[in-house]
Structure formats: structure tokens, C-alpha cells
Amino acid sequence: MAILGQVATVVAPEGERLVLRRDLQPVEAVLEIIPRHPLRESELVEALENNWPNRVGRILAILAGHPHARRCVYRGEPFWTYARRV
């Protein structure tokens, strides 16, 4: 996958959890992060469950249709990245 590169290894800091801003709408909170840092879907789902437990599926569906979010798979693991669409 080109966005992470051929030799990229994504390593999460040990013991760190993704924290999303609660003062933003959920999709906006995710879109604030992904231009700088692709998110593992598992970490994203965990963060969404912590903040908006009854809306996780709906939020992921909105992200899937958003012009600036893209779900991709890298080495068998799903990630969310920023999509620069015109």
C-alpha cells in the first residue's frame, strides 16, 4: 500500500489509547486525526465505543461515504486514512 510505504511497520506506543475529542462530532473528531496519522480500525472502534457506544456502526458508515476518509487494508489489517479527493 503506497500511503504507508512498502517497508512501513506501524507500531503503536505501548499502553497508549486513542482519544477522540468529545467537543466535536464523531466524524469530525476522526477527520481531525487521519490527515496526520492513519488509524487502525481496531483502535478507532475502541475509541468510538468509549465515547459513542451506540453509534459506532453508524459513524463507520458515515466515514465510509465521506470524501476525505478511506478504509484500506495493509498487511491484512484494516486502517482508516485521509483521502484527498477533488
Protein backbone atom coordinates (compact mmCIF):
# COMPACT_ATOMS: atom_id res chain seq x y z
CA MET A 1 0.00 0.00 0.00
CA ALA A 2 1.54 3.26 -1.10
CA ILE A 3 0.31 5.53 1.70
CA LEU A 4 2.22 3.55 4.33
CA GLY A 5 5.04 2.54 2.01
CA GLN A 6 6.46 -0.83 1.10
CA VAL A 7 8.60 -1.18 4.21
CA ALA A 8 6.47 0.68 6.74
CA THR A 9 5.75 -1.02 10.02
CA VAL A 10 3.02 0.61 12.04
CA VAL A 11 3.84 0.44 15.73
CA ALA A 12 1.51 1.84 18.35
CA PRO A 13 3.01 3.25 21.52
CA GLU A 14 2.76 0.65 24.28
CA GLY A 15 -0.18 1.23 26.58
CA GLU A 16 -1.41 4.29 24.70
CA ARG A 17 -5.05 4.55 23.69
CA LEU A 18 -6.59 6.67 21.01
CA VAL A 19 -8.54 9.58 22.49
CA LEU A 20 -11.06 11.42 20.33
CA ARG A 21 -12.22 14.94 21.10
CA ARG A 22 -15.69 14.91 22.61
CA ASP A 23 -16.29 18.57 21.82
CA LEU A 24 -16.53 17.65 18.11
CA GLN A 25 -18.97 15.47 16.24
CA PRO A 26 -17.57 11.92 15.95
CA VAL A 27 -16.77 12.08 12.24
CA GLU A 28 -15.11 15.49 12.66
CA ALA A 29 -13.00 14.10 15.53
CA VAL A 30 -11.73 11.29 13.30
CA LEU A 31 -11.15 13.60 10.34
CA GLU A 32 -9.03 15.80 12.60
CA ILE A 33 -6.58 12.91 13.16
CA ILE A 34 -6.36 10.91 9.94
CA PRO A 35 -4.66 13.58 7.80
CA ARG A 36 -1.66 13.26 10.14
CA HIS A 37 -1.85 9.63 11.17
CA PRO A 38 -3.61 6.55 9.71
CA LEU A 39 -5.71 4.82 12.36
CA ARG A 40 -6.03 1.09 12.90
CA GLU A 41 -9.69 0.24 12.66
CA SER A 42 -9.50 -1.74 15.91
CA GLU A 43 -8.18 1.33 17.76
CA LEU A 44 -10.75 3.57 16.12
CA VAL A 45 -13.61 1.25 17.06
CA GLU A 46 -12.39 1.09 20.66
CA ALA A 47 -12.22 4.89 20.88
CA LEU A 48 -15.67 5.26 19.32
CA GLU A 49 -17.11 2.69 21.73
CA ASN A 50 -15.67 4.65 24.66
CA ASN A 51 -17.30 7.91 23.51
CA TRP A 52 -20.33 6.99 21.43
CA PRO A 53 -21.11 3.32 22.21
CA ASN A 54 -24.48 3.14 20.47
CA ARG A 55 -23.33 4.89 17.30
CA VAL A 56 -20.17 3.02 16.23
CA GLY A 57 -21.69 1.29 13.20
CA ARG A 58 -23.37 4.48 12.00
CA ILE A 59 -20.17 6.53 12.43
CA LEU A 60 -18.14 3.99 10.44
CA ALA A 61 -20.80 4.02 7.71
CA ILE A 62 -20.64 7.82 7.51
CA LEU A 63 -16.83 7.68 7.34
CA ALA A 64 -17.03 5.08 4.57
CA GLY A 65 -19.04 7.52 2.46
CA HIS A 66 -17.08 10.63 3.39
CA PRO A 67 -14.94 12.11 0.59
CA HIS A 68 -11.95 12.62 2.92
CA ALA A 69 -11.90 9.23 4.64
CA ARG A 70 -10.80 5.92 3.20
CA ARG A 71 -10.72 2.43 4.67
CA CYS A 72 -7.82 0.37 3.39
CA VAL A 73 -6.13 -2.87 4.33
CA TYR A 74 -2.40 -3.07 4.98
CA ARG A 75 -0.83 -6.45 5.72
CA GLY A 76 -4.25 -7.85 6.45
CA GLU A 77 -5.19 -5.16 8.96
CA PRO A 78 -7.85 -2.51 8.24
CA PHE A 79 -6.87 1.16 8.63
CA TRP A 80 -8.61 4.49 8.13
CA THR A 81 -6.64 7.10 6.20
CA TYR A 82 -7.19 10.54 4.75
CA ALA A 83 -8.34 10.63 1.14
CA ARG A 84 -7.52 13.72 -0.90
CA ARG A 85 -10.36 13.70 -3.37
CA VAL A 86 -11.15 16.54 -5.69
